[in-house]
Amino acid sequence: MTPANWSPQHGLDPTPPQAREWLEKELNGPDYQSSWLDSVIEWILDKLGTLSDGSMSGLSAVVTALVALVVMALLVWVLPKVRRESRAARSGGAVMEDLTMTARAYRDRAAQALRDKRYDDAVLDAFRAIARDMSDRALLADAPGITAHEASVALAPCFPDHGDRLARAADLFDAVRYGHRHASAEQAAQIQRLDAELATARPVVASSSSLQDLPV
């Protein structure tokens, strides 16, 4: 196989067969395994192969190339979401399973579960209350599909004094929800206290002085 060319001006410049091979390897990876993508990926790879072997010519080749580029441009927007959802599925899944539930409703369920000594349910709903509340406060992006770990990482800079507790709460959520471990009464109460503190805490934002230091 002819090696790909590289230059400081143009970077890596693969041959058409190499580009097709690299794209095929990437799109066939586990991050992109989705039934609706199969036919799209197969079509793109087929058209790239046809163009690279020179079997198309004239206007049809130009039109096909343009259509393939448009489809690939759309996938640039779609595939990052697919990759994130794929990672979420492998790590357990989204925190909030019922998007109609409010933070208050999750808190009420968590409190009732704690009174009923259903500590696993109390842990799950208390953490969901945190995620829902932070979503309502626009501190979590793409909250409907976010995992517990992603939520804790995203919130830690906003609440640095609670970062360690958020990480432990996320680990406990995953252990209970997906690891088949059981929570204690104290663990459930700890996450409820964390939720109560975060609900009244002011998130850290960039100071005006730090913004002034940014290059224009």
N, C-alpha and C. Protein backbone atom coordinates (compact mmCIF):
# COMPACT_ATOMS: atom_id res chain seq x y z
N MET A 1 0.85 -1.20 0.00
CA MET A 1 0.00 0.00 0.00
C MET A 1 0.88 1.24 0.00
N THR A 2 0.52 2.26 -0.78
CA THR A 2 1.29 3.49 -0.81
C THR A 2 1.11 4.26 0.48
N PRO A 3 2.21 4.68 1.16
CA PRO A 3 2.07 5.38 2.43
C PRO A 3 1.41 6.72 2.24
N ALA A 4 0.71 7.19 3.28
CA ALA A 4 0.06 8.49 3.21
C ALA A 4 1.12 9.58 3.25
N ASN A 5 0.89 10.66 2.49
CA ASN A 5 1.80 11.79 2.48
C ASN A 5 1.50 12.72 3.63
N TRP A 6 2.55 13.43 4.11
CA TRP A 6 2.37 14.41 5.17
C TRP A 6 3.25 15.60 4.89
N SER A 7 2.72 16.77 5.15
CA SER A 7 3.52 17.98 5.03
C SER A 7 3.05 18.97 6.07
N PRO A 8 3.93 19.90 6.50
CA PRO A 8 3.51 20.89 7.50
C PRO A 8 2.37 21.76 7.01
N GLN A 9 2.32 21.97 5.66
CA GLN A 9 1.27 22.85 5.13
C GLN A 9 -0.08 22.16 5.06
N HIS A 10 -0.08 20.87 4.67
CA HIS A 10 -1.34 20.19 4.42
C HIS A 10 -1.65 19.08 5.42
N GLY A 11 -0.72 18.78 6.30
CA GLY A 11 -0.96 17.73 7.26
C GLY A 11 -0.95 16.37 6.60
N LEU A 12 -1.72 15.43 7.14
CA LEU A 12 -1.79 14.08 6.59
C LEU A 12 -2.65 14.08 5.34
N ASP A 13 -2.13 13.52 4.27
CA ASP A 13 -2.84 13.54 2.97
C ASP A 13 -2.92 12.12 2.44
N PRO A 14 -3.92 11.33 2.89
CA PRO A 14 -3.99 9.93 2.46
C PRO A 14 -4.47 9.81 1.02
N THR A 15 -4.14 8.69 0.41
CA THR A 15 -4.66 8.38 -0.92
C THR A 15 -6.14 8.02 -0.79
N PRO A 16 -6.93 8.08 -1.87
CA PRO A 16 -8.37 7.72 -1.78
C PRO A 16 -8.62 6.34 -1.18
N PRO A 17 -7.87 5.28 -1.58
CA PRO A 17 -8.10 3.98 -0.95
C PRO A 17 -7.81 4.00 0.55
N GLN A 18 -6.76 4.73 0.95
CA GLN A 18 -6.44 4.80 2.38
C GLN A 18 -7.53 5.55 3.14
N ALA A 19 -8.02 6.64 2.58
CA ALA A 19 -9.09 7.40 3.24
C ALA A 19 -10.32 6.53 3.44
N ARG A 20 -10.65 5.76 2.40
CA ARG A 20 -11.82 4.88 2.51
C ARG A 20 -11.58 3.82 3.58
N GLU A 21 -10.36 3.27 3.61
CA GLU A 21 -10.04 2.23 4.60
C GLU A 21 -10.12 2.78 6.01
N TRP A 22 -9.58 3.99 6.23
CA TRP A 22 -9.60 4.59 7.56
C TRP A 22 -11.04 4.90 7.99
N LEU A 23 -11.83 5.46 7.04
CA LEU A 23 -13.22 5.79 7.37
C LEU A 23 -14.00 4.52 7.69
N GLU A 24 -13.78 3.47 6.91
CA GLU A 24 -14.49 2.21 7.15
C GLU A 24 -14.14 1.64 8.51
N LYS A 25 -12.87 1.68 8.86
CA LYS A 25 -12.43 1.16 10.17
C LYS A 25 -13.06 1.94 11.31
N GLU A 26 -13.13 3.26 11.16
CA GLU A 26 -13.71 4.10 12.21
C GLU A 26 -15.22 3.87 12.35
N LEU A 27 -15.93 3.86 11.20
CA LEU A 27 -17.39 3.74 11.26
C LEU A 27 -17.84 2.34 11.66
N ASN A 28 -16.99 1.34 11.47
CA ASN A 28 -17.33 -0.01 11.88
C ASN A 28 -16.95 -0.30 13.32
N GLY A 29 -16.41 0.69 14.01
CA GLY A 29 -16.03 0.52 15.41
C GLY A 29 -17.24 0.42 16.31
N PRO A 30 -17.05 0.02 17.57
CA PRO A 30 -18.17 -0.19 18.49
C PRO A 30 -18.95 1.07 18.82
N ASP A 31 -18.30 2.26 18.70
CA ASP A 31 -18.99 3.49 19.03
C ASP A 31 -20.12 3.82 18.07
N TYR A 32 -20.07 3.24 16.84
CA TYR A 32 -21.05 3.59 15.84
C TYR A 32 -21.99 2.44 15.51
N GLN A 33 -22.10 1.47 16.40
CA GLN A 33 -22.99 0.34 16.14
C GLN A 33 -24.42 0.71 16.45
N SER A 34 -25.14 1.12 15.44
CA SER A 34 -26.54 1.52 15.56
C SER A 34 -27.25 1.07 14.30
N SER A 35 -28.40 0.44 14.45
CA SER A 35 -29.07 -0.18 13.31
C SER A 35 -29.39 0.81 12.21
N TRP A 36 -29.84 2.01 12.58
CA TRP A 36 -30.22 2.96 11.54
C TRP A 36 -29.01 3.50 10.79
N LEU A 37 -27.82 3.38 11.38
CA LEU A 37 -26.62 3.88 10.71
C LEU A 37 -26.05 2.88 9.71
N ASP A 38 -26.42 1.62 9.85
CA ASP A 38 -25.81 0.59 9.01
C ASP A 38 -25.94 0.89 7.53
N SER A 39 -27.17 1.18 7.08
CA SER A 39 -27.38 1.40 5.65
C SER A 39 -26.70 2.69 5.18
N VAL A 40 -26.68 3.72 6.04
CA VAL A 40 -26.03 4.98 5.66
C VAL A 40 -24.54 4.78 5.49
N ILE A 41 -23.93 4.10 6.46
CA ILE A 41 -22.49 3.86 6.40
C ILE A 41 -22.14 3.01 5.19
N GLU A 42 -22.95 1.97 4.95
CA GLU A 42 -22.69 1.08 3.81
C GLU A 42 -22.77 1.86 2.50
N TRP A 43 -23.75 2.75 2.38
CA TRP A 43 -23.89 3.54 1.16
C TRP A 43 -22.70 4.46 0.95
N ILE A 44 -22.26 5.14 2.03
CA ILE A 44 -21.12 6.06 1.91
C ILE A 44 -19.87 5.31 1.48
N LEU A 45 -19.61 4.18 2.13
CA LEU A 45 -18.41 3.41 1.80
C LEU A 45 -18.47 2.88 0.37
N ASP A 46 -19.66 2.48 -0.05
CA ASP A 46 -19.81 1.98 -1.42
C ASP A 46 -19.52 3.08 -2.44
N LYS A 47 -20.06 4.28 -2.18
CA LYS A 47 -19.85 5.38 -3.12
C LYS A 47 -18.40 5.83 -3.13
N LEU A 48 -17.77 5.84 -1.96
CA LEU A 48 -16.36 6.21 -1.91
C LEU A 48 -15.52 5.20 -2.68
N GLY A 49 -15.89 3.92 -2.56
CA GLY A 49 -15.15 2.90 -3.30
C GLY A 49 -15.32 3.06 -4.79
N THR A 50 -16.54 3.40 -5.21
CA THR A 50 -16.81 3.58 -6.64
C THR A 50 -16.03 4.76 -7.19
N LEU A 51 -15.98 5.85 -6.40
CA LEU A 51 -15.25 7.03 -6.86
C LEU A 51 -13.75 6.78 -6.91
N SER A 52 -13.24 6.03 -5.90
CA SER A 52 -11.79 5.82 -5.81
C SER A 52 -11.28 4.88 -6.90
N ASP A 53 -12.13 3.95 -7.37
CA ASP A 53 -11.64 3.03 -8.40
C ASP A 53 -11.88 3.55 -9.82
N GLY A 54 -12.47 4.75 -9.93
CA GLY A 54 -12.60 5.40 -11.23
C GLY A 54 -13.68 4.86 -12.12
N SER A 55 -14.60 4.04 -11.58
CA SER A 55 -15.64 3.47 -12.42
C SER A 55 -16.75 4.46 -12.75
N MET A 56 -16.77 5.62 -12.06
CA MET A 56 -17.74 6.67 -12.36
C MET A 56 -17.01 7.80 -13.08
N SER A 57 -17.74 8.48 -13.93
CA SER A 57 -17.14 9.60 -14.63
C SER A 57 -18.21 10.64 -14.92
N GLY A 58 -17.77 11.85 -15.22
CA GLY A 58 -18.69 12.89 -15.64
C GLY A 58 -19.57 13.41 -14.54
N LEU A 59 -20.78 13.84 -14.94
CA LEU A 59 -21.71 14.48 -14.02
C LEU A 59 -22.14 13.56 -12.90
N SER A 60 -22.35 12.28 -13.20
CA SER A 60 -22.82 11.35 -12.16
C SER A 60 -21.81 11.24 -11.03
N ALA A 61 -20.53 11.26 -11.34
CA ALA A 61 -19.50 11.19 -10.31
C ALA A 61 -19.52 12.44 -9.45
N VAL A 62 -19.69 13.60 -10.08
CA VAL A 62 -19.73 14.85 -9.33
C VAL A 62 -20.93 14.88 -8.40
N VAL A 63 -22.11 14.49 -8.91
CA VAL A 63 -23.32 14.49 -8.09
C VAL A 63 -23.18 13.51 -6.94
N THR A 64 -22.67 12.31 -7.23
CA THR A 64 -22.49 11.32 -6.18
C THR A 64 -21.53 11.81 -5.11
N ALA A 65 -20.45 12.43 -5.52
CA ALA A 65 -19.48 12.96 -4.57
C ALA A 65 -20.10 14.03 -3.69
N LEU A 66 -20.89 14.92 -4.29
CA LEU A 66 -21.54 15.98 -3.51
C LEU A 66 -22.52 15.41 -2.51
N VAL A 67 -23.33 14.43 -2.96
CA VAL A 67 -24.30 13.82 -2.05
C VAL A 67 -23.59 13.14 -0.89
N ALA A 68 -22.50 12.40 -1.20
CA ALA A 68 -21.75 11.72 -0.15
C ALA A 68 -21.18 12.72 0.84
N LEU A 69 -20.70 13.86 0.35
CA LEU A 69 -20.15 14.88 1.24
C LEU A 69 -21.22 15.47 2.14
N VAL A 70 -22.41 15.69 1.57
CA VAL A 70 -23.52 16.23 2.37
C VAL A 70 -23.89 15.25 3.48
N VAL A 71 -24.01 13.97 3.13
CA VAL A 71 -24.36 12.95 4.12
C VAL A 71 -23.29 12.88 5.21
N MET A 72 -22.03 12.91 4.80
CA MET A 72 -20.95 12.86 5.78
C MET A 72 -20.95 14.08 6.67
N ALA A 73 -21.29 15.27 6.11
CA ALA A 73 -21.37 16.48 6.92
C ALA A 73 -22.47 16.37 7.97
N LEU A 74 -23.60 15.77 7.57
CA LEU A 74 -24.69 15.57 8.54
C LEU A 74 -24.26 14.61 9.64
N LEU A 75 -23.51 13.59 9.27
CA LEU A 75 -23.05 12.62 10.27
C LEU A 75 -22.07 13.24 11.25
N VAL A 76 -21.38 14.30 10.82
CA VAL A 76 -20.48 15.00 11.75
C VAL A 76 -21.28 15.53 12.94
N TRP A 77 -22.53 15.94 12.70
CA TRP A 77 -23.39 16.39 13.79
C TRP A 77 -24.00 15.22 14.55
N VAL A 78 -24.34 14.16 13.82
CA VAL A 78 -25.08 13.06 14.44
C VAL A 78 -24.17 12.11 15.21
N LEU A 79 -23.01 11.76 14.64
CA LEU A 79 -22.17 10.72 15.23
C LEU A 79 -21.65 11.03 16.63
N PRO A 80 -21.26 12.30 16.95
CA PRO A 80 -20.86 12.55 18.33
C PRO A 80 -21.92 12.19 19.35
N LYS A 81 -23.18 12.44 18.99
CA LYS A 81 -24.29 12.06 19.88
C LYS A 81 -24.40 10.55 19.98
N VAL A 82 -24.23 9.85 18.85
CA VAL A 82 -24.29 8.39 18.87
C VAL A 82 -23.16 7.83 19.72
N ARG A 83 -21.97 8.40 19.58
CA ARG A 83 -20.83 7.92 20.36
C ARG A 83 -21.07 8.11 21.84
N ARG A 84 -21.61 9.29 22.22
CA ARG A 84 -21.86 9.55 23.63
C ARG A 84 -22.92 8.60 24.19
N GLU A 85 -23.98 8.35 23.39
CA GLU A 85 -25.02 7.43 23.84
C GLU A 85 -24.48 6.01 23.93
N SER A 86 -23.57 5.67 23.02
CA SER A 86 -22.95 4.35 23.06
C SER A 86 -22.13 4.17 24.33
N ARG A 87 -21.35 5.22 24.68
CA ARG A 87 -20.58 5.14 25.92
C ARG A 87 -21.50 5.06 27.12
N ALA A 88 -22.61 5.80 27.09
CA ALA A 88 -23.55 5.77 28.20
C ALA A 88 -24.14 4.39 28.38
N ALA A 89 -24.46 3.74 27.26
CA ALA A 89 -25.04 2.40 27.33
C ALA A 89 -24.05 1.42 27.92
N ARG A 90 -22.75 1.55 27.52
CA ARG A 90 -21.76 0.61 28.04
C ARG A 90 -21.46 0.86 29.51
N SER A 91 -21.57 2.13 29.97
CA SER A 91 -21.26 2.43 31.36
C SER A 91 -22.48 2.34 32.25
N GLY A 92 -23.65 2.01 31.72
CA GLY A 92 -24.82 1.84 32.53
C GLY A 92 -26.04 2.47 31.93
N GLY A 93 -25.94 3.75 31.55
CA GLY A 93 -27.08 4.41 30.96
C GLY A 93 -27.34 5.76 31.61
N ALA A 94 -28.39 6.41 31.15
CA ALA A 94 -28.70 7.74 31.62
C ALA A 94 -29.21 7.72 33.06
N VAL A 95 -28.96 8.83 33.76
CA VAL A 95 -29.43 8.95 35.14
C VAL A 95 -30.95 9.06 35.18
N MET A 96 -31.47 10.01 34.41
CA MET A 96 -32.90 10.29 34.45
C MET A 96 -33.65 9.43 33.45
N GLU A 97 -34.39 8.47 33.94
CA GLU A 97 -35.15 7.58 33.08
C GLU A 97 -36.52 8.15 32.73
N ASP A 98 -37.07 8.98 33.62
CA ASP A 98 -38.38 9.58 33.39
C ASP A 98 -38.20 11.09 33.29
N LEU A 99 -38.26 11.61 32.07
CA LEU A 99 -38.00 13.03 31.86
C LEU A 99 -39.16 13.92 32.30
N THR A 100 -40.28 13.31 32.67
CA THR A 100 -41.41 14.12 33.15
C THR A 100 -41.32 14.40 34.64
N MET A 101 -40.41 13.71 35.32
CA MET A 101 -40.28 13.88 36.77
C MET A 101 -39.52 15.17 37.08
N THR A 102 -40.03 15.90 38.07
CA THR A 102 -39.35 17.12 38.52
C THR A 102 -38.36 16.76 39.64
N ALA A 103 -37.47 17.71 39.93
CA ALA A 103 -36.53 17.50 41.03
C ALA A 103 -37.29 17.31 42.35
N ARG A 104 -38.35 18.07 42.52
CA ARG A 104 -39.15 17.94 43.75
C ARG A 104 -39.77 16.56 43.86
N ALA A 105 -40.25 16.03 42.75
CA ALA A 105 -40.86 14.69 42.76
C ALA A 105 -39.81 13.63 43.08
N TYR A 106 -38.61 13.77 42.53
CA TYR A 106 -37.54 12.83 42.84
C TYR A 106 -37.17 12.90 44.32
N ARG A 107 -37.12 14.11 44.86
CA ARG A 107 -36.79 14.27 46.29
C ARG A 107 -37.86 13.63 47.17
N ASP A 108 -39.11 13.82 46.80
CA ASP A 108 -40.19 13.22 47.59
C ASP A 108 -40.10 11.69 47.54
N ARG A 109 -39.79 11.14 46.38
CA ARG A 109 -39.66 9.68 46.26
C ARG A 109 -38.48 9.18 47.07
N ALA A 110 -37.37 9.93 47.03
CA ALA A 110 -36.19 9.53 47.79
C ALA A 110 -36.48 9.54 49.29
N ALA A 111 -37.17 10.56 49.74
CA ALA A 111 -37.49 10.67 51.17
C ALA A 111 -38.42 9.54 51.59
N GLN A 112 -39.41 9.22 50.76
CA GLN A 112 -40.32 8.13 51.09
C GLN A 112 -39.60 6.80 51.09
N ALA A 113 -38.70 6.60 50.13
CA ALA A 113 -37.94 5.35 50.09
C ALA A 113 -37.07 5.20 51.33
N LEU A 114 -36.49 6.29 51.78
CA LEU A 114 -35.66 6.23 52.99
C LEU A 114 -36.51 5.87 54.20
N ARG A 115 -37.70 6.44 54.30
CA ARG A 115 -38.60 6.10 55.41
C ARG A 115 -39.03 4.65 55.34
N ASP A 116 -39.18 4.12 54.13
CA ASP A 116 -39.58 2.73 53.95
C ASP A 116 -38.41 1.75 54.01
N LYS A 117 -37.22 2.30 54.26
CA LYS A 117 -35.99 1.50 54.34
C LYS A 117 -35.65 0.85 52.99
N ARG A 118 -36.06 1.47 51.91
CA ARG A 118 -35.66 1.05 50.57
C ARG A 118 -34.47 1.92 50.16
N TYR A 119 -33.33 1.60 50.72
CA TYR A 119 -32.18 2.49 50.61
C TYR A 119 -31.63 2.57 49.19
N ASP A 120 -31.74 1.50 48.45
CA ASP A 120 -31.29 1.54 47.06
C ASP A 120 -32.10 2.57 46.26
N ASP A 121 -33.42 2.50 46.39
CA ASP A 121 -34.28 3.46 45.69
C ASP A 121 -34.02 4.88 46.16
N ALA A 122 -33.74 5.03 47.45
CA ALA A 122 -33.46 6.37 47.98
C ALA A 122 -32.21 6.96 47.37
N VAL A 123 -31.18 6.14 47.20
CA VAL A 123 -29.94 6.61 46.58
C VAL A 123 -30.19 7.03 45.14
N LEU A 124 -30.87 6.19 44.39
CA LEU A 124 -31.09 6.47 42.98
C LEU A 124 -31.91 7.74 42.78
N ASP A 125 -32.99 7.89 43.53
CA ASP A 125 -33.86 9.05 43.32
C ASP A 125 -33.22 10.32 43.86
N ALA A 126 -32.41 10.23 44.90
CA ALA A 126 -31.73 11.42 45.41
C ALA A 126 -30.72 11.94 44.39
N PHE A 127 -30.00 11.03 43.75
CA PHE A 127 -29.05 11.48 42.74
C PHE A 127 -29.80 12.01 41.51
N ARG A 128 -30.91 11.37 41.16
CA ARG A 128 -31.70 11.88 40.04
C ARG A 128 -32.24 13.27 40.34
N ALA A 129 -32.56 13.53 41.60
CA ALA A 129 -33.01 14.88 41.99
C ALA A 129 -31.91 15.90 41.73
N ILE A 130 -30.66 15.51 42.03
CA ILE A 130 -29.53 16.41 41.77
C ILE A 130 -29.42 16.69 40.27
N ALA A 131 -29.45 15.63 39.48
CA ALA A 131 -29.30 15.79 38.04
C ALA A 131 -30.43 16.63 37.45
N ARG A 132 -31.65 16.39 37.90
CA ARG A 132 -32.79 17.14 37.36
C ARG A 132 -32.70 18.61 37.76
N ASP A 133 -32.33 18.86 39.01
CA ASP A 133 -32.23 20.22 39.49
C ASP A 133 -31.14 20.98 38.72
N MET A 134 -30.01 20.33 38.50
CA MET A 134 -28.92 20.98 37.78
C MET A 134 -29.27 21.19 36.31
N SER A 135 -30.06 20.30 35.76
CA SER A 135 -30.54 20.49 34.40
C SER A 135 -31.46 21.70 34.33
N ASP A 136 -32.35 21.84 35.30
CA ASP A 136 -33.26 22.98 35.33
C ASP A 136 -32.50 24.29 35.51
N ARG A 137 -31.36 24.23 36.18
CA ARG A 137 -30.54 25.42 36.40
C ARG A 137 -29.54 25.64 35.26
N ALA A 138 -29.67 24.85 34.20
CA ALA A 138 -28.81 24.98 33.00
C ALA A 138 -27.34 24.76 33.32
N LEU A 139 -27.07 23.88 34.29
CA LEU A 139 -25.68 23.56 34.64
C LEU A 139 -25.24 22.22 34.08
N LEU A 140 -26.19 21.49 33.49
CA LEU A 140 -25.87 20.22 32.84
C LEU A 140 -26.32 20.29 31.38
N ALA A 141 -25.39 20.06 30.48
CA ALA A 141 -25.73 20.02 29.06
C ALA A 141 -26.18 18.62 28.68
N ASP A 142 -27.19 18.54 27.82
CA ASP A 142 -27.69 17.25 27.34
C ASP A 142 -28.06 16.33 28.49
N ALA A 143 -28.71 16.90 29.50
CA ALA A 143 -29.03 16.15 30.72
C ALA A 143 -29.87 14.90 30.50
N PRO A 144 -30.81 14.86 29.52
CA PRO A 144 -31.62 13.64 29.37
C PRO A 144 -30.81 12.37 29.14
N GLY A 145 -29.63 12.47 28.54
CA GLY A 145 -28.85 11.27 28.25
C GLY A 145 -27.58 11.15 29.06
N ILE A 146 -27.39 12.04 30.03
CA ILE A 146 -26.12 12.07 30.76
C ILE A 146 -26.04 10.94 31.77
N THR A 147 -24.83 10.41 31.96
CA THR A 147 -24.61 9.36 32.95
C THR A 147 -24.26 9.99 34.29
N ALA A 148 -24.27 9.18 35.33
CA ALA A 148 -23.94 9.68 36.66
C ALA A 148 -22.51 10.21 36.70
N HIS A 149 -21.60 9.48 36.10
CA HIS A 149 -20.19 9.91 36.09
C HIS A 149 -20.04 11.22 35.33
N GLU A 150 -20.69 11.33 34.16
CA GLU A 150 -20.61 12.56 33.38
C GLU A 150 -21.21 13.73 34.16
N ALA A 151 -22.28 13.49 34.89
CA ALA A 151 -22.90 14.56 35.68
C ALA A 151 -21.96 15.04 36.77
N SER A 152 -21.31 14.13 37.46
CA SER A 152 -20.41 14.52 38.55
C SER A 152 -19.21 15.29 38.01
N VAL A 153 -18.68 14.86 36.88
CA VAL A 153 -17.53 15.55 36.28
C VAL A 153 -17.93 16.95 35.82
N ALA A 154 -19.12 17.08 35.23
CA ALA A 154 -19.58 18.38 34.74
C ALA A 154 -19.88 19.35 35.87
N LEU A 155 -20.35 18.84 37.00
CA LEU A 155 -20.76 19.70 38.10
C LEU A 155 -19.61 20.06 39.04
N ALA A 156 -18.56 19.26 39.05
CA ALA A 156 -17.45 19.50 39.99
C ALA A 156 -16.86 20.91 39.86
N PRO A 157 -16.61 21.43 38.64
CA PRO A 157 -16.07 22.80 38.56
C PRO A 157 -17.06 23.86 39.05
N CYS A 158 -18.35 23.58 38.94
CA CYS A 158 -19.36 24.54 39.41
C CYS A 158 -19.47 24.56 40.92
N PHE A 159 -19.21 23.38 41.53
CA PHE A 159 -19.30 23.26 42.99
C PHE A 159 -18.04 22.56 43.51
N PRO A 160 -16.90 23.27 43.49
CA PRO A 160 -15.62 22.64 43.85
C PRO A 160 -15.60 22.08 45.27
N ASP A 161 -16.33 22.69 46.19
CA ASP A 161 -16.36 22.19 47.56
C ASP A 161 -17.11 20.87 47.69
N HIS A 162 -17.88 20.53 46.67
CA HIS A 162 -18.67 19.30 46.70
C HIS A 162 -18.19 18.28 45.67
N GLY A 163 -17.07 18.55 45.02
CA GLY A 163 -16.61 17.69 43.93
C GLY A 163 -16.38 16.25 44.35
N ASP A 164 -15.70 16.06 45.47
CA ASP A 164 -15.41 14.70 45.93
C ASP A 164 -16.69 13.95 46.28
N ARG A 165 -17.61 14.64 46.91
CA ARG A 165 -18.87 14.00 47.29
C ARG A 165 -19.72 13.68 46.07
N LEU A 166 -19.67 14.54 45.06
CA LEU A 166 -20.39 14.25 43.82
C LEU A 166 -19.83 13.00 43.15
N ALA A 167 -18.50 12.87 43.14
CA ALA A 167 -17.88 11.70 42.53
C ALA A 167 -18.26 10.43 43.27
N ARG A 168 -18.25 10.49 44.61
CA ARG A 168 -18.63 9.30 45.39
C ARG A 168 -20.10 8.98 45.20
N ALA A 169 -20.93 10.01 45.11
CA ALA A 169 -22.36 9.78 44.89
C ALA A 169 -22.60 9.12 43.54
N ALA A 170 -21.87 9.55 42.52
CA ALA A 170 -22.01 8.96 41.18
C ALA A 170 -21.56 7.51 41.19
N ASP A 171 -20.45 7.23 41.87
CA ASP A 171 -19.97 5.85 41.98
C ASP A 171 -21.00 4.96 42.68
N LEU A 172 -21.62 5.50 43.73
CA LEU A 172 -22.62 4.73 44.46
C LEU A 172 -23.86 4.50 43.59
N PHE A 173 -24.26 5.53 42.83
CA PHE A 173 -25.41 5.38 41.93
C PHE A 173 -25.16 4.24 40.96
N ASP A 174 -23.98 4.23 40.32
CA ASP A 174 -23.67 3.18 39.35
C ASP A 174 -23.59 1.81 40.02
N ALA A 175 -23.00 1.77 41.23
CA ALA A 175 -22.86 0.49 41.92
C ALA A 175 -24.22 -0.11 42.27
N VAL A 176 -25.16 0.75 42.67
CA VAL A 176 -26.50 0.29 43.03
C VAL A 176 -27.32 -0.03 41.79
N ARG A 177 -27.27 0.88 40.81
CA ARG A 177 -28.14 0.74 39.63
C ARG A 177 -27.67 -0.36 38.69
N TYR A 178 -26.34 -0.48 38.53
CA TYR A 178 -25.83 -1.41 37.52
C TYR A 178 -24.91 -2.48 38.09
N GLY A 179 -24.42 -2.28 39.29
CA GLY A 179 -23.51 -3.25 39.90
C GLY A 179 -24.17 -4.18 40.88
N HIS A 180 -25.48 -4.02 41.06
CA HIS A 180 -26.26 -4.92 41.93
C HIS A 180 -25.74 -4.90 43.37
N ARG A 181 -25.23 -3.75 43.79
CA ARG A 181 -24.83 -3.58 45.18
C ARG A 181 -25.94 -2.88 45.94
N HIS A 182 -25.94 -3.03 47.26
CA HIS A 182 -26.99 -2.43 48.09
C HIS A 182 -26.42 -1.29 48.93
N ALA A 183 -27.23 -0.23 49.05
CA ALA A 183 -26.83 0.94 49.81
C ALA A 183 -27.30 0.83 51.25
N SER A 184 -26.64 1.57 52.10
CA SER A 184 -27.02 1.62 53.51
C SER A 184 -27.88 2.86 53.76
N ALA A 185 -28.47 2.91 54.93
CA ALA A 185 -29.28 4.06 55.29
C ALA A 185 -28.42 5.33 55.31
N GLU A 186 -27.20 5.21 55.84
CA GLU A 186 -26.33 6.38 55.90
C GLU A 186 -25.93 6.87 54.52
N GLN A 187 -25.67 5.95 53.60
CA GLN A 187 -25.32 6.35 52.23
C GLN A 187 -26.48 7.07 51.56
N ALA A 188 -27.68 6.57 51.75
CA ALA A 188 -28.85 7.23 51.17
C ALA A 188 -29.03 8.62 51.76
N ALA A 189 -28.84 8.72 53.08
CA ALA A 189 -28.99 10.02 53.74
C ALA A 189 -27.91 11.00 53.29
N GLN A 190 -26.70 10.49 53.03
CA GLN A 190 -25.62 11.36 52.58
C GLN A 190 -25.93 12.00 51.23
N ILE A 191 -26.48 11.22 50.32
CA ILE A 191 -26.80 11.79 49.00
C ILE A 191 -27.97 12.77 49.11
N GLN A 192 -28.90 12.50 50.00
CA GLN A 192 -29.99 13.45 50.19
C GLN A 192 -29.47 14.76 50.78
N ARG A 193 -28.50 14.67 51.70
CA ARG A 193 -27.91 15.90 52.23
C ARG A 193 -27.13 16.66 51.15
N LEU A 194 -26.44 15.90 50.31
CA LEU A 194 -25.72 16.54 49.21
C LEU A 194 -26.69 17.27 48.29
N ASP A 195 -27.80 16.64 47.98
CA ASP A 195 -28.82 17.28 47.14
C ASP A 195 -29.32 18.57 47.78
N ALA A 196 -29.59 18.51 49.10
CA ALA A 196 -30.10 19.69 49.79
C ALA A 196 -29.08 20.83 49.78
N GLU A 197 -27.81 20.50 49.93
CA GLU A 197 -26.77 21.54 49.92
C GLU A 197 -26.61 22.15 48.54
N LEU A 198 -26.60 21.30 47.51
CA LEU A 198 -26.43 21.80 46.16
C LEU A 198 -27.61 22.65 45.71
N ALA A 199 -28.79 22.31 46.21
CA ALA A 199 -29.99 23.04 45.81
C ALA A 199 -29.92 24.51 46.22
N THR A 200 -29.18 24.81 47.29
CA THR A 200 -29.08 26.20 47.76
C THR A 200 -27.70 26.81 47.51
N ALA A 201 -26.80 26.02 46.96
CA ALA A 201 -25.43 26.51 46.72
C ALA A 201 -25.38 27.33 45.43
N ARG A 202 -24.51 28.33 45.45
CA ARG A 202 -24.33 29.16 44.26
C ARG A 202 -23.17 28.59 43.45
N PRO A 203 -23.38 28.27 42.18
CA PRO A 203 -22.29 27.71 41.38
C PRO A 203 -21.18 28.72 41.13
N VAL A 204 -19.98 28.21 41.00
CA VAL A 204 -18.82 29.06 40.72
C VAL A 204 -18.84 29.42 39.24
N VAL A 205 -18.65 30.69 38.95
CA VAL A 205 -18.55 31.14 37.56
C VAL A 205 -17.25 31.89 37.40
N ALA A 206 -16.84 32.07 36.12
CA ALA A 206 -15.60 32.79 35.85
C ALA A 206 -15.72 34.23 36.33
N SER A 207 -14.71 34.70 37.03
CA SER A 207 -14.72 36.07 37.55
C SER A 207 -14.52 37.06 36.41
N SER A 208 -14.93 38.30 36.65
CA SER A 208 -14.77 39.33 35.62
C SER A 208 -13.31 39.60 35.33
N SER A 209 -12.45 39.51 36.38
CA SER A 209 -11.03 39.75 36.16
C SER A 209 -10.43 38.69 35.25
N SER A 210 -10.84 37.41 35.44
CA SER A 210 -10.30 36.35 34.59
C SER A 210 -10.78 36.50 33.17
N LEU A 211 -12.00 37.01 32.98
CA LEU A 211 -12.52 37.23 31.64
C LEU A 211 -11.75 38.36 30.94
N GLN A 212 -11.34 39.36 31.73
CA GLN A 212 -10.59 40.46 31.14
C GLN A 212 -9.21 40.02 30.68
N ASP A 213 -8.70 38.96 31.31
CA ASP A 213 -7.37 38.47 30.94
C ASP A 213 -7.36 37.66 29.67
N LEU A 214 -8.54 37.26 29.19
CA LEU A 214 -8.60 36.45 27.99
C LEU A 214 -8.17 37.28 26.78
N PRO A 215 -7.43 36.64 25.85
CA PRO A 215 -7.00 37.37 24.66
C PRO A 215 -8.17 37.73 23.77
N VAL A 216 -8.10 38.88 23.15
CA VAL A 216 -9.16 39.35 22.24
C VAL A 216 -8.89 38.88 20.83
